[in-house]
Amino acid sequence: MRNTTQLIVSRADTVPPPASNTESTWSLPGGIIGFVAWLLALAVPFLIYGSNTLFFFLYTWPFFLALMPVAIVVGIAVHSLLHGRLWLSCPLTCLVVMVMFGCLFMWLLG
């Protein structure tokens, strides 16, 4: 026979759920903001250079496609750092992503 004690669990010993959940998740709105900012940044060269941008993107599309997950992570990070303030995180995310696109675009142009 084992030398153990009987454990009795009653409902009074259970941990009550927290009264208010103060922790929020910012990943979904931040990711959506990052993806929309990536799409907007992708459209800026078309607005500046017109349809000739398609020939430029023909050989450089992997670089710009690689910026999509980076833009989504930037959107999540900015949205979480601003504590879910949508009106502040949208323009700031767009600005950061467009600067990344501009740097890559200028680097590829030479």
Protein backbone atom coordinates (compact mmCIF):
# COMPACT_ATOMS: atom_id res chain seq x y z
CA MET A 1 0.00 0.00 0.00
CA ARG A 2 1.26 3.48 -0.86
CA ASN A 3 2.01 6.01 1.82
CA THR A 4 -0.03 8.91 0.41
CA THR A 5 -2.68 11.21 1.70
CA GLN A 6 -6.10 11.65 0.22
CA LEU A 7 -6.55 15.01 -1.49
CA ILE A 8 -10.01 16.45 -1.42
CA VAL A 9 -10.77 19.26 -3.86
CA SER A 10 -13.74 21.37 -3.02
CA ARG A 11 -15.29 24.22 -4.97
CA ALA A 12 -14.10 26.72 -2.35
CA ASP A 13 -10.47 25.90 -3.19
CA THR A 14 -10.74 26.75 -6.87
CA VAL A 15 -9.36 30.02 -8.13
CA PRO A 16 -12.08 32.50 -9.11
CA PRO A 17 -11.88 34.02 -12.59
CA PRO A 18 -10.47 37.54 -12.77
CA ALA A 19 -13.00 40.33 -12.44
CA SER A 20 -11.78 42.26 -15.46
CA ASN A 21 -9.46 41.22 -18.20
CA THR A 22 -7.17 44.21 -18.67
CA GLU A 23 -4.95 42.52 -21.23
CA SER A 24 -5.97 43.14 -24.83
CA THR A 25 -4.77 41.61 -28.05
CA TRP A 26 -3.50 43.90 -30.77
CA SER A 27 -2.35 41.37 -33.32
CA LEU A 28 -5.38 41.28 -35.61
CA PRO A 29 -6.00 45.02 -36.05
CA GLY A 30 -2.26 45.68 -36.18
CA GLY A 31 -1.77 42.99 -38.80
CA ILE A 32 -4.61 44.35 -40.91
CA ILE A 33 -3.18 47.86 -40.64
CA GLY A 34 0.26 46.55 -41.66
CA PHE A 35 -1.15 44.70 -44.68
CA VAL A 36 -3.18 47.70 -45.84
CA ALA A 37 -0.11 49.91 -45.40
CA TRP A 38 1.88 47.45 -47.53
CA LEU A 39 -0.76 47.62 -50.27
CA LEU A 40 -0.77 51.41 -50.15
CA ALA A 41 3.03 51.52 -50.29
CA LEU A 42 2.93 49.15 -53.26
CA ALA A 43 0.60 51.57 -55.06
CA VAL A 44 2.80 54.65 -54.56
CA PRO A 45 5.35 53.75 -57.31
CA PHE A 46 2.45 53.25 -59.72
CA LEU A 47 1.19 56.73 -58.89
CA ILE A 48 4.64 58.26 -59.39
CA TYR A 49 6.00 56.34 -62.40
CA GLY A 50 2.83 55.02 -64.02
CA SER A 51 2.56 51.71 -65.81
CA ASN A 52 6.34 51.47 -66.37
CA THR A 53 6.55 50.29 -62.78
CA LEU A 54 5.34 46.87 -63.91
CA PHE A 55 8.59 46.32 -65.83
CA PHE A 56 10.58 47.27 -62.74
CA PHE A 57 8.52 44.92 -60.57
CA LEU A 58 9.00 42.10 -63.08
CA TYR A 59 12.47 41.35 -61.71
CA THR A 60 12.29 42.86 -58.24
CA TRP A 61 8.97 41.49 -56.96
CA PRO A 62 10.60 39.10 -54.41
CA PHE A 63 12.11 42.05 -52.56
CA PHE A 64 8.78 43.81 -52.25
CA LEU A 65 6.97 40.60 -51.40
CA ALA A 66 9.49 40.01 -48.61
CA LEU A 67 8.46 43.33 -47.09
CA MET A 68 4.88 42.12 -46.56
CA PRO A 69 5.52 40.11 -43.35
CA VAL A 70 7.81 42.89 -42.13
CA ALA A 71 5.00 45.42 -42.69
CA ILE A 72 2.55 43.20 -40.82
CA VAL A 73 4.94 42.86 -37.87
CA VAL A 74 5.52 46.62 -37.91
CA GLY A 75 1.75 47.15 -37.84
CA ILE A 76 1.37 44.83 -34.87
CA ALA A 77 4.29 46.43 -33.03
CA VAL A 78 3.15 50.01 -33.60
CA HIS A 79 -0.43 49.19 -32.68
CA SER A 80 0.66 47.47 -29.48
CA LEU A 81 3.12 50.21 -28.53
CA LEU A 82 0.38 52.80 -28.90
CA HIS A 83 -1.95 50.68 -26.69
CA GLY A 84 -4.51 50.06 -29.41
CA ARG A 85 -5.06 53.68 -30.44
CA LEU A 86 -6.27 53.11 -33.98
CA TRP A 87 -6.18 56.74 -35.12
CA LEU A 88 -2.52 57.07 -34.18
CA SER A 89 -1.30 53.66 -35.30
CA CYS A 90 -2.75 53.85 -38.84
CA PRO A 91 -0.79 56.88 -40.07
CA LEU A 92 2.36 55.91 -38.18
CA THR A 93 2.33 52.39 -39.62
CA CYS A 94 1.71 53.74 -43.12
CA LEU A 95 4.59 56.17 -42.71
CA VAL A 96 7.02 53.51 -41.49
CA VAL A 97 6.05 51.03 -44.22
CA MET A 98 6.28 53.68 -46.94
CA VAL A 99 9.74 54.68 -45.72
CA MET A 100 10.79 51.01 -45.89
CA PHE A 101 9.42 50.77 -49.43
CA GLY A 102 11.14 54.00 -50.40
CA CYS A 103 14.48 52.82 -49.07
CA LEU A 104 14.17 49.51 -50.92
CA PHE A 105 13.01 51.23 -54.09
CA MET A 106 15.92 53.69 -54.04
CA TRP A 107 18.40 50.92 -53.24
CA LEU A 108 17.19 48.86 -56.20
CA LEU A 109 17.26 51.85 -58.53
CA GLY A 110 20.92 52.37 -57.71
